[in-house]
Amino acid sequence: MNTPLMRDSLRAVRPQEANHAHAGLWLTRGLESVAEGDNTRKSGHINKLCAQDPSHLYNLAWKRWRKTVDNTERFCQLHAKLSQRLFIGQSSASALETGICVSHSYGMPMIPGSTVKGCARAYAEAAGLAPEYLAVLFGELSGAACLVWHDAWWNPDSGKPFVHEIVTTHHMEYYSGNASEATDFDSPVPNAQIATQGSFCFVVEGPFAWASKGIAILEKALAESGIGAKRAAGYGVMESDAQKERRQAEEAQRLEMEKLKQKIEAEQRQQQNATEWPGARVKFNRTTGALIVEKDGKTAIALAPKGAEFLQNLPANIRQKILNNQFVRITAYVAKGTLMRIEVPSVP
């Protein structure tokens, strides 16, 4: 059955492409008709919106908003990027049975301040924050909070705002109450949906000490619990710019430690397989910082900074003789042409 969704008088002025159309209007008023069970038309309508770029008007509004909240005496900010995607406002009234939360004026994704506040409060309560702190940060029945949790604005520099999603219902008859139990023989029913991607700017207004505390709680809540719908499936999880920098620094440190570990293990293996060269002559190259040993026409070398390190560990008198190019013999341990370590023979 084909259900008309648009008055005849509006069809003539309806744009064929979304371009910079208001997302809310495009979803709720942009489709002419829909047929039961026909997901192709619905998917095509959503795909047109997903191809949309942020409008010039929204870019101007975004810059104005950023300029306003840059006042650090009143506002604390948090910039966070979605690890996957965000479902927000799915329950919005729509003939397409899909919805998304967008700003009333600009039609771009936004997260209501009440949702942001609820996300932070739920995390704080689960973490066991004291009731008196909860009252100050989030308010209570007997009084308001000392902070204002603003709507989170979508960052227009983070790509396209909308993305097509598929949510598959596996037990349609069971969930609709037409079957007593769900079975493995039920046919999955894919359902086209729309989600948000990219980055958001979160703003908390109030005394700096409390606003910064609220931002810190929100940062952890977004990273560990997420925000919006289908969080158990990984949706709505966000990483702040500061968390990203810390993660990258930790990853770089981990890789550096791994390289150092591998280098030490390789040196240990070489030392175990090293050949002893008793009575080897040793020389030091001041220009390159390399320590060179010679024995029976064979040469082994320790490049800088290892060569200088070997030299520094020798007794002062032996080290001075080597630096003066005097004849000095030591016991060298060599593996594949590399000087692994040196020892000075004890004088009886």
Protein backbone atom coordinates (compact mmCIF):
# COMPACT_ATOMS: atom_id res chain seq x y z
CA MET A 1 0.00 0.00 0.00
CA ASN A 2 1.38 3.40 -1.04
CA THR A 3 0.96 6.13 1.60
CA PRO A 4 1.18 9.78 0.42
CA LEU A 5 3.32 11.96 2.69
CA MET A 6 3.18 15.29 0.87
CA ARG A 7 0.45 17.63 -0.26
CA ASP A 8 0.12 18.10 -4.00
CA SER A 9 0.75 21.83 -3.65
CA LEU A 10 4.23 21.16 -2.20
CA ARG A 11 5.46 18.68 -4.79
CA ALA A 12 6.16 21.39 -7.34
CA VAL A 13 8.50 23.26 -4.99
CA ARG A 14 10.18 20.24 -3.42
CA PRO A 15 13.91 20.08 -4.32
CA GLN A 16 15.04 16.84 -5.94
CA GLU A 17 18.35 16.84 -4.07
CA ALA A 18 19.03 17.59 -0.41
CA ASN A 19 21.92 20.00 -1.09
CA HIS A 20 21.72 22.27 1.99
CA ALA A 21 18.17 21.33 2.94
CA HIS A 22 17.20 21.31 6.61
CA ALA A 23 17.75 17.70 7.70
CA GLY A 24 14.69 17.59 9.92
CA LEU A 25 12.42 18.91 7.18
CA TRP A 26 13.98 16.63 4.59
CA LEU A 27 13.32 13.54 6.72
CA THR A 28 9.82 14.43 7.87
CA ARG A 29 8.51 16.40 4.88
CA GLY A 30 10.78 15.62 1.95
CA LEU A 31 9.51 12.20 0.85
CA GLU A 32 6.41 12.23 -1.36
CA SER A 33 5.14 8.76 -0.45
CA VAL A 34 6.19 5.51 1.15
CA ALA A 35 5.05 1.94 0.62
CA GLU A 36 4.88 -0.65 3.38
CA GLY A 37 7.90 -2.93 3.22
CA ASP A 38 9.63 -0.77 0.58
CA ASN A 39 13.03 0.12 2.04
CA THR A 40 14.52 1.11 -1.32
CA ARG A 41 12.74 4.45 -1.49
CA LYS A 42 13.47 5.17 2.15
CA SER A 43 17.17 4.29 1.75
CA GLY A 44 17.46 6.48 -1.33
CA HIS A 45 15.89 9.40 0.53
CA ILE A 46 18.33 8.98 3.44
CA ASN A 47 21.31 8.64 1.07
CA LYS A 48 20.51 12.00 -0.51
CA LEU A 49 20.69 13.63 2.91
CA CYS A 50 23.93 11.82 3.75
CA ALA A 51 25.58 13.40 0.70
CA GLN A 52 24.90 16.86 2.14
CA ASP A 53 27.70 19.18 3.28
CA PRO A 54 27.29 21.74 6.07
CA SER A 55 25.84 25.00 4.75
CA HIS A 56 27.64 28.33 4.64
CA LEU A 57 25.09 29.66 7.13
CA TYR A 58 25.96 26.93 9.62
CA ASN A 59 29.68 27.62 9.24
CA LEU A 60 29.06 31.26 10.13
CA ALA A 61 26.92 30.27 13.12
CA TRP A 62 29.61 27.81 14.26
CA LYS A 63 32.30 30.50 14.16
CA ARG A 64 30.06 32.90 16.09
CA TRP A 65 29.38 30.25 18.73
CA ARG A 66 33.08 29.40 19.09
CA LYS A 67 33.92 33.08 19.50
CA THR A 68 31.30 33.39 22.24
CA VAL A 69 32.44 30.38 24.29
CA ASP A 70 36.14 31.23 24.01
CA ASN A 71 35.64 33.34 27.15
CA THR A 72 37.44 31.04 29.60
CA GLU A 73 36.14 32.96 32.60
CA ARG A 74 32.61 31.78 31.84
CA PHE A 75 32.95 28.63 29.75
CA CYS A 76 34.84 25.35 29.71
CA GLN A 77 35.01 23.43 26.42
CA LEU A 78 35.52 19.83 25.39
CA HIS A 79 36.17 18.82 21.79
CA ALA A 80 35.54 15.14 21.16
CA LYS A 81 35.37 12.92 18.08
CA LEU A 82 33.09 9.91 17.63
CA SER A 83 34.95 6.61 17.54
CA GLN A 84 32.14 5.17 15.41
CA ARG A 85 28.76 6.83 14.94
CA LEU A 86 25.99 8.37 17.01
CA PHE A 87 22.30 7.59 17.23
CA ILE A 88 20.52 10.55 18.81
CA GLY A 89 16.84 11.45 18.45
CA GLN A 90 15.74 8.16 16.88
CA SER A 91 12.35 8.44 18.58
CA SER A 92 11.56 11.73 16.84
CA ALA A 93 8.18 11.70 15.10
CA SER A 94 8.64 10.70 11.46
CA ALA A 95 6.70 8.86 8.79
CA LEU A 96 9.97 7.13 7.86
CA GLU A 97 10.28 5.54 11.32
CA THR A 98 13.72 7.03 11.71
CA GLY A 99 14.81 10.26 13.28
CA ILE A 100 17.83 12.29 14.24
CA CYS A 101 18.35 15.24 16.55
CA VAL A 102 19.25 18.40 14.63
CA SER A 103 19.33 22.08 15.49
CA HIS A 104 16.03 23.82 14.85
CA SER A 105 17.59 26.73 12.97
CA TYR A 106 20.34 25.11 10.91
CA GLY A 107 19.37 21.46 10.50
CA MET A 108 22.81 20.20 11.54
CA PRO A 109 23.41 17.49 14.18
CA MET A 110 23.34 18.58 17.80
CA ILE A 111 23.19 16.91 21.20
CA PRO A 112 20.72 18.58 23.58
CA GLY A 113 22.17 20.02 26.76
CA SER A 114 19.78 17.89 28.80
CA THR A 115 21.23 14.76 27.18
CA VAL A 116 24.79 15.93 27.82
CA LYS A 117 23.94 16.69 31.45
CA GLY A 118 22.19 13.34 31.90
CA CYS A 119 25.16 11.47 30.43
CA ALA A 120 27.58 13.15 32.84
CA ARG A 121 25.28 12.75 35.84
CA ALA A 122 24.70 9.03 35.21
CA TYR A 123 28.46 8.48 35.07
CA ALA A 124 29.06 10.55 38.21
CA GLU A 125 26.40 8.65 40.15
CA ALA A 126 27.80 5.29 39.01
CA ALA A 127 31.27 6.45 40.11
CA GLY A 128 29.92 7.22 43.61
CA LEU A 129 30.25 11.01 43.57
CA ALA A 130 28.96 12.50 46.83
CA PRO A 131 25.37 13.86 46.78
CA GLU A 132 26.48 17.39 47.69
CA TYR A 133 28.73 17.47 44.62
CA LEU A 134 25.96 16.07 42.44
CA ALA A 135 23.66 18.85 43.65
CA VAL A 136 26.15 21.57 42.71
CA LEU A 137 27.05 20.09 39.32
CA PHE A 138 23.64 18.85 38.19
CA GLY A 139 21.06 20.26 40.57
CA GLU A 140 18.34 18.55 42.59
CA LEU A 141 14.60 18.83 43.20
CA SER A 142 15.08 21.56 45.79
CA GLY A 143 17.42 23.73 43.73
CA ALA A 144 19.20 24.30 40.42
CA ALA A 145 22.81 23.49 39.64
CA CYS A 146 25.52 26.13 39.51
CA LEU A 147 26.37 25.07 35.94
CA VAL A 148 24.67 25.44 32.56
CA TRP A 149 25.10 22.43 30.26
CA HIS A 150 24.80 23.81 26.74
CA ASP A 151 23.77 21.96 23.60
CA ALA A 152 26.75 20.29 21.90
CA TRP A 153 27.43 21.72 18.44
CA TRP A 154 28.62 19.55 15.57
CA ASN A 155 32.00 20.59 14.13
CA PRO A 156 31.63 21.42 10.40
CA ASP A 157 35.35 20.75 9.86
CA SER A 158 34.89 17.04 10.59
CA GLY A 159 33.48 15.98 7.21
CA LYS A 160 29.90 15.15 6.28
CA PRO A 161 27.41 15.25 9.16
CA PHE A 162 25.11 12.31 8.32
CA VAL A 163 25.72 8.68 7.45
CA HIS A 164 23.41 5.87 6.33
CA GLU A 165 22.98 3.01 8.79
CA ILE A 166 21.19 -0.35 8.78
CA VAL A 167 19.56 -1.71 11.94
CA THR A 168 18.43 -5.30 11.52
CA THR A 169 15.55 -6.71 13.53
CA HIS A 170 15.96 -10.48 13.83
CA HIS A 171 12.67 -11.40 15.52
CA MET A 172 10.03 -9.05 14.13
CA GLU A 173 7.01 -11.21 15.00
CA TYR A 174 8.22 -11.79 18.55
CA TYR A 175 8.88 -8.10 19.25
CA SER A 176 5.53 -7.08 17.75
CA GLY A 177 3.72 -9.54 20.03
CA ASN A 178 2.60 -11.89 17.26
CA ALA A 179 4.81 -14.81 18.38
CA SER A 180 5.19 -16.38 21.82
CA GLU A 181 8.94 -16.86 21.48
CA ALA A 182 11.88 -15.94 19.26
CA THR A 183 13.45 -18.71 17.19
CA ASP A 184 16.53 -19.17 15.03
CA PHE A 185 14.27 -19.59 12.02
CA ASP A 186 12.97 -15.99 12.07
CA SER A 187 13.94 -13.94 9.02
CA PRO A 188 15.98 -10.79 9.72
CA VAL A 189 14.38 -7.52 8.64
CA PRO A 190 16.90 -4.78 7.70
CA ASN A 191 15.73 -1.25 8.44
CA ALA A 192 17.36 1.87 6.98
CA GLN A 193 18.36 4.44 9.59
CA ILE A 194 20.41 7.65 9.75
CA ALA A 195 23.24 8.37 12.17
CA THR A 196 25.73 11.15 12.89
CA GLN A 197 29.50 11.07 12.48
CA GLY A 198 32.36 13.50 13.14
CA SER A 199 33.20 15.72 16.11
CA PHE A 200 31.27 17.79 18.65
CA CYS A 201 32.03 20.78 20.85
CA PHE A 202 30.67 20.46 24.40
CA VAL A 203 30.38 23.59 26.56
CA VAL A 204 29.72 23.96 30.27
CA GLU A 205 29.11 27.44 31.71
CA GLY A 206 29.70 28.48 35.30
CA PRO A 207 32.45 29.04 37.88
CA PHE A 208 35.68 27.67 36.46
CA ALA A 209 36.43 25.29 39.34
CA TRP A 210 33.05 23.59 38.97
CA ALA A 211 32.81 23.85 35.18
CA SER A 212 36.21 22.19 34.74
CA LYS A 213 35.10 19.43 37.11
CA GLY A 214 31.95 18.91 35.05
CA ILE A 215 33.97 18.76 31.82
CA ALA A 216 36.34 16.19 33.35
CA ILE A 217 33.38 13.97 34.31
CA LEU A 218 31.85 14.38 30.86
CA GLU A 219 35.13 13.49 29.15
CA LYS A 220 35.30 10.19 31.03
CA ALA A 221 31.59 9.49 30.49
CA LEU A 222 31.86 9.94 26.71
CA ALA A 223 34.95 7.73 26.49
CA GLU A 224 33.79 4.94 28.79
CA SER A 225 29.97 4.92 28.52
CA GLY A 226 29.16 6.89 25.38
CA ILE A 227 26.06 8.94 24.69
CA GLY A 228 22.85 8.35 22.77
CA ALA A 229 21.30 5.03 21.69
CA LYS A 230 22.88 1.59 21.05
CA ARG A 231 25.85 2.32 23.29
CA ALA A 232 26.22 -1.39 24.07
CA ALA A 233 27.09 -1.88 20.40
CA GLY A 234 29.78 0.81 20.54
CA TYR A 235 27.77 3.75 19.24
CA GLY A 236 28.14 7.16 20.87
CA VAL A 237 31.64 6.60 22.27
CA MET A 238 33.84 9.68 21.90
CA GLU A 239 37.49 10.51 22.39
CA SER A 240 38.52 14.03 23.34
CA ASP A 241 41.46 15.82 21.75
CA ALA A 242 43.35 15.60 25.04
CA GLN A 243 42.64 11.87 25.35
CA LYS A 244 43.81 11.36 21.77
CA GLU A 245 47.08 13.16 22.52
CA ARG A 246 47.60 11.08 25.66
CA ARG A 247 46.81 7.86 23.80
CA GLN A 248 49.22 8.73 21.00
CA ALA A 249 51.95 9.63 23.51
CA GLU A 250 51.39 6.37 25.39
CA GLU A 251 51.44 4.42 22.13
CA ALA A 252 54.67 6.13 21.05
CA GLN A 253 56.21 5.35 24.45
CA ARG A 254 55.05 1.74 24.22
CA LEU A 255 56.57 1.35 20.76
CA GLU A 256 59.81 2.95 21.96
CA MET A 257 59.97 0.56 24.92
CA GLU A 258 59.24 -2.37 22.61
CA LYS A 259 62.09 -1.34 20.30
CA LEU A 260 64.42 -0.97 23.28
CA LYS A 261 63.39 -4.39 24.57
CA GLN A 262 64.00 -5.98 21.17
CA LYS A 263 67.38 -4.26 20.93
CA ILE A 264 68.42 -5.50 24.39
CA GLU A 265 67.25 -9.04 23.60
CA ALA A 266 69.15 -8.98 20.30
CA GLU A 267 72.32 -7.80 22.07
CA GLN A 268 71.91 -10.49 24.70
CA ARG A 269 71.59 -13.16 22.00
CA GLN A 270 74.65 -11.79 20.24
CA GLN A 271 76.63 -11.73 23.48
CA GLN A 272 75.72 -15.34 24.13
CA ASN A 273 77.06 -16.22 20.68
CA ALA A 274 80.06 -13.85 20.85
CA THR A 275 83.58 -15.09 20.09
CA GLU A 276 86.39 -14.24 22.50
CA TRP A 277 89.34 -12.33 21.03
CA PRO A 278 92.08 -12.30 23.71
CA GLY A 279 94.90 -9.84 23.17
CA ALA A 280 93.01 -7.75 20.61
CA ARG A 281 94.33 -4.28 19.86
CA VAL A 282 91.87 -1.44 20.44
CA LYS A 283 91.59 2.01 18.80
CA PHE A 284 89.11 4.87 19.12
CA ASN A 285 87.99 7.12 16.25
CA ARG A 286 87.34 10.57 17.69
CA THR A 287 85.58 11.74 14.54
CA THR A 288 82.95 8.99 14.35
CA GLY A 289 82.93 7.92 18.01
CA ALA A 290 83.54 4.28 17.01
CA LEU A 291 85.65 1.83 18.99
CA ILE A 292 87.61 -0.60 16.80
CA VAL A 293 89.38 -3.84 17.75
CA GLU A 294 91.76 -5.88 15.59
CA LYS A 295 92.90 -9.47 15.98
CA ASP A 296 94.72 -11.73 13.49
CA GLY A 297 93.76 -9.53 10.53
CA LYS A 298 90.09 -9.38 11.58
CA THR A 299 88.28 -6.23 12.61
CA ALA A 300 85.21 -5.62 14.76
CA ILE A 301 83.60 -2.30 15.56
CA ALA A 302 81.23 -0.69 18.05
CA LEU A 303 79.59 2.35 16.49
CA ALA A 304 78.63 5.52 18.36
CA PRO A 305 77.30 5.92 20.96
CA LYS A 306 78.16 2.35 22.02
CA GLY A 307 81.84 2.83 21.22
CA ALA A 308 82.13 5.90 23.44
CA GLU A 309 80.21 4.04 26.17
CA PHE A 310 82.69 1.12 26.08
CA LEU A 311 85.59 3.57 26.23
CA GLN A 312 84.11 5.48 29.16
CA ASN A 313 83.75 2.26 31.20
CA LEU A 314 87.45 1.45 30.94
CA PRO A 315 89.94 2.40 33.71
CA ALA A 316 91.15 5.98 33.37
CA ASN A 317 94.76 5.06 32.55
CA ILE A 318 93.74 2.58 29.84
CA ARG A 319 91.23 5.05 28.42
CA GLN A 320 93.90 7.78 28.21
CA LYS A 321 96.33 5.45 26.41
CA ILE A 322 93.68 4.60 23.81
CA LEU A 323 92.88 8.29 23.27
CA ASN A 324 96.63 8.94 22.81
CA ASN A 325 96.79 6.14 20.20
CA GLN A 326 99.15 4.10 22.38
CA PHE A 327 99.38 0.34 21.96
CA VAL A 328 96.74 -1.28 24.18
CA ARG A 329 95.57 -4.89 24.17
CA ILE A 330 92.28 -6.05 25.68
CA THR A 331 89.98 -9.05 25.52
CA ALA A 332 87.16 -8.43 23.04
CA TYR A 333 83.93 -10.34 22.52
CA VAL A 334 82.74 -10.19 18.93
CA ALA A 335 79.61 -11.37 17.11
CA LYS A 336 79.36 -11.05 13.33
CA GLY A 337 81.83 -8.18 13.15
CA THR A 338 80.19 -6.23 15.98
CA LEU A 339 82.06 -5.52 19.20
CA MET A 340 79.76 -6.66 21.98
CA ARG A 341 81.90 -5.97 25.05
CA ILE A 342 85.52 -5.56 26.14
CA GLU A 343 87.49 -6.57 29.19
CA VAL A 344 90.90 -5.44 30.41
CA PRO A 345 93.10 -8.41 31.38
CA SER A 346 94.12 -8.29 35.02
CA VAL A 347 97.83 -7.84 35.69
CA PRO A 348 99.22 -10.59 38.00
